[in-house]
Amino acid sequence: MDNEHIQEHGLVQGEKKELVSKCGPVGRAVIRNLIKEAINSMNKAYAPYSGFKVGAALLTAGQKIYTGCNIENAAYSPSNCAERTAFFKAVSEGERDFMAIAIVGGDNGNIKDYCPPCGVCRQVMREFVNPGRFLVILARSEDDCLVFFLEELLPMGFGPEHLNN
């Protein structure tokens, strides 16, 4: 990551020159670990139809990690993305405060490019996070990633506050 991208996407250099999120304790070591967990999760994906495997690792404010992989279905619409799998696992365990998610993916598990979340996953994330503080980490490896705030990937997202009159 170059310095311009780091500053533009919510990371600053800490006292020890490590990368730290402006929104909290998501340093470079944490980001690397999330990417590693996402890669491990990708290897568990069930993708017999598309062959495109995706893994995600979701970080809670309490520093717990929930992983997810994509799970396809012959009827297609019942399929579930890795990001939603991770969120649903965490929420079903009572978690409601999230810091970041790392996402990786590729044909047959070969990561060649960044794997951004689909629109449905972006909307699910929006339900549970502050989009101006939640980090979305798109990675090709532990050392090659892009970091965005959710609001950059889902501008003007519709959230629960829009329903409160």
Protein backbone atom coordinates (compact mmCIF):
# COMPACT_ATOMS: atom_id res chain seq x y z
CA MET A 1 0.00 0.00 0.00
CA ASP A 2 1.33 3.42 -0.86
CA ASN A 3 1.18 6.30 1.64
CA GLU A 4 -1.50 8.21 -0.29
CA HIS A 5 -3.80 5.18 -0.30
CA ILE A 6 -3.09 4.52 3.38
CA GLN A 7 -4.09 8.05 4.40
CA GLU A 8 -7.06 8.15 2.05
CA HIS A 9 -8.51 4.89 3.34
CA GLY A 10 -8.45 5.32 7.06
CA LEU A 11 -5.00 4.15 8.12
CA VAL A 12 -2.34 6.24 9.77
CA GLN A 13 1.17 5.42 10.97
CA GLY A 14 1.33 4.73 14.67
CA GLU A 15 4.13 5.61 17.06
CA LYS A 16 6.17 2.58 15.99
CA LYS A 17 5.49 3.26 12.27
CA GLU A 18 2.89 0.49 12.22
CA LEU A 19 -0.35 1.04 10.32
CA VAL A 20 -3.27 1.72 12.60
CA SER A 21 -6.88 2.39 11.73
CA LYS A 22 -8.20 5.86 12.49
CA CYS A 23 -11.24 4.09 13.90
CA GLY A 24 -9.53 1.96 16.51
CA PRO A 25 -7.09 -0.84 17.27
CA VAL A 26 -6.82 -2.41 13.82
CA GLY A 27 -3.08 -2.35 13.28
CA ARG A 28 -1.07 -3.97 10.50
CA ALA A 29 -0.53 -7.16 12.51
CA VAL A 30 -4.29 -7.47 13.03
CA ILE A 31 -4.91 -6.86 9.32
CA ARG A 32 -2.37 -9.55 8.36
CA ASN A 33 -4.00 -12.00 10.77
CA LEU A 34 -7.47 -11.26 9.39
CA ILE A 35 -6.21 -11.87 5.86
CA LYS A 36 -4.60 -15.15 6.95
CA GLU A 37 -7.88 -16.25 8.55
CA ALA A 38 -9.83 -15.26 5.42
CA ILE A 39 -7.47 -17.33 3.26
CA ASN A 40 -7.88 -20.32 5.58
CA SER A 41 -11.65 -19.91 5.44
CA MET A 42 -11.62 -19.66 1.63
CA ASN A 43 -10.18 -23.17 1.54
CA LYS A 44 -13.41 -24.43 3.19
CA ALA A 45 -15.68 -22.89 0.54
CA TYR A 46 -18.31 -25.04 -1.16
CA ALA A 47 -18.29 -23.77 -4.74
CA PRO A 48 -18.92 -26.75 -7.07
CA TYR A 49 -20.85 -24.68 -9.63
CA SER A 50 -18.85 -21.48 -10.07
CA GLY A 51 -15.49 -22.73 -8.84
CA PHE A 52 -15.02 -19.25 -7.34
CA LYS A 53 -14.06 -19.62 -3.68
CA VAL A 54 -14.31 -16.74 -1.21
CA GLY A 55 -13.22 -16.42 2.40
CA ALA A 56 -13.89 -13.72 4.96
CA ALA A 57 -12.70 -12.94 8.48
CA LEU A 58 -14.76 -10.55 10.59
CA LEU A 59 -13.25 -8.75 13.59
CA THR A 60 -15.39 -7.76 16.57
CA ALA A 61 -14.68 -4.83 18.86
CA GLY A 62 -13.68 -7.43 21.47
CA GLN A 63 -10.98 -8.71 19.05
CA LYS A 64 -12.79 -12.00 18.33
CA ILE A 65 -12.67 -13.27 14.74
CA TYR A 66 -15.57 -14.97 12.96
CA THR A 67 -14.81 -16.58 9.62
CA GLY A 68 -17.03 -17.41 6.69
CA CYS A 69 -16.83 -18.97 3.25
CA ASN A 70 -19.18 -18.97 0.30
CA ILE A 71 -21.61 -21.86 0.17
CA GLU A 72 -23.25 -22.51 -3.20
CA ASN A 73 -26.49 -24.33 -3.93
CA ALA A 74 -27.71 -26.02 -7.12
CA ALA A 75 -30.73 -23.69 -7.08
CA TYR A 76 -28.33 -20.68 -6.96
CA SER A 77 -30.51 -18.21 -5.01
CA PRO A 78 -30.09 -20.11 -1.70
CA SER A 79 -26.31 -19.67 -2.00
CA ASN A 80 -24.59 -17.56 0.63
CA CYS A 81 -21.53 -15.34 0.37
CA ALA A 82 -18.54 -15.60 2.70
CA GLU A 83 -19.10 -12.14 4.16
CA ARG A 84 -22.72 -12.87 5.09
CA THR A 85 -21.73 -16.25 6.50
CA ALA A 86 -19.23 -14.54 8.84
CA PHE A 87 -21.72 -11.85 9.88
CA PHE A 88 -24.55 -14.31 10.44
CA LYS A 89 -22.32 -16.56 12.56
CA ALA A 90 -21.24 -13.60 14.69
CA VAL A 91 -24.71 -12.12 15.08
CA SER A 92 -26.15 -15.54 15.95
CA GLU A 93 -23.61 -15.67 18.80
CA GLY A 94 -24.76 -12.28 20.14
CA GLU A 95 -22.08 -10.06 18.59
CA ARG A 96 -23.18 -6.60 17.49
CA ASP A 97 -20.02 -4.46 17.52
CA PHE A 98 -17.65 -4.93 14.57
CA MET A 99 -14.38 -3.29 13.51
CA ALA A 100 -13.27 -4.82 10.19
CA ILE A 101 -13.63 -7.61 7.67
CA ALA A 102 -10.99 -9.13 5.38
CA ILE A 103 -12.11 -10.71 2.11
CA VAL A 104 -10.21 -12.90 -0.36
CA GLY A 105 -11.35 -14.92 -3.32
CA GLY A 106 -10.47 -16.48 -6.63
CA ASP A 107 -11.12 -19.22 -9.16
CA ASN A 108 -10.57 -22.58 -7.48
CA GLY A 109 -9.06 -20.74 -4.51
CA ASN A 110 -6.28 -19.07 -6.54
CA ILE A 111 -6.16 -15.45 -5.47
CA LYS A 112 -5.17 -13.26 -8.41
CA ASP A 113 -7.07 -10.05 -7.73
CA TYR A 114 -8.97 -8.20 -5.03
CA CYS A 115 -12.44 -9.60 -4.30
CA PRO A 116 -14.87 -6.82 -3.37
CA PRO A 117 -18.11 -7.71 -1.60
CA CYS A 118 -21.32 -7.90 -3.62
CA GLY A 119 -24.09 -5.37 -3.09
CA VAL A 120 -26.13 -7.66 -0.85
CA CYS A 121 -23.13 -8.22 1.43
CA ARG A 122 -22.46 -4.48 1.57
CA GLN A 123 -26.05 -3.94 2.67
CA VAL A 124 -25.81 -6.68 5.34
CA MET A 125 -22.64 -5.04 6.67
CA ARG A 126 -24.41 -1.68 6.72
CA GLU A 127 -27.08 -3.13 9.00
CA PHE A 128 -24.59 -3.84 11.77
CA VAL A 129 -21.79 -1.27 11.50
CA ASN A 130 -21.03 2.41 11.41
CA PRO A 131 -20.07 2.74 7.72
CA GLY A 132 -17.67 5.61 8.45
CA ARG A 133 -15.66 3.52 10.91
CA PHE A 134 -15.91 -0.08 9.67
CA LEU A 135 -12.95 -1.28 7.59
CA VAL A 136 -13.27 -3.52 4.54
CA ILE A 137 -9.94 -5.14 3.68
CA LEU A 138 -9.60 -6.57 0.17
CA ALA A 139 -6.51 -8.73 -0.13
CA ARG A 140 -4.44 -10.67 -2.61
CA SER A 141 -2.02 -11.81 0.11
CA GLU A 142 -1.08 -10.93 3.68
CA ASP A 143 1.17 -8.20 2.29
CA ASP A 144 -1.00 -6.93 -0.57
CA CYS A 145 -4.29 -5.36 0.40
CA LEU A 146 -6.56 -2.38 -0.07
CA VAL A 147 -8.42 -0.94 2.92
CA PHE A 148 -11.66 1.02 2.65
CA PHE A 149 -14.31 2.33 4.98
CA LEU A 150 -17.66 0.71 4.17
CA GLU A 151 -19.12 4.11 3.30
CA GLU A 152 -16.64 4.31 0.41
CA LEU A 153 -17.99 1.04 -1.00
CA LEU A 154 -21.64 1.81 -0.21
CA PRO A 155 -22.17 5.57 -0.45
CA MET A 156 -25.47 6.81 0.94
CA GLY A 157 -26.29 3.32 2.22
CA PHE A 158 -29.72 2.70 3.71
CA GLY A 159 -29.47 1.85 7.38
CA PRO A 160 -31.65 1.27 10.44
CA GLU A 161 -31.60 4.98 11.28
CA HIS A 162 -33.59 5.67 8.12
CA LEU A 163 -36.54 3.77 9.60
CA ASN A 164 -36.66 5.77 12.86
CA ASN A 165 -38.95 8.76 12.52
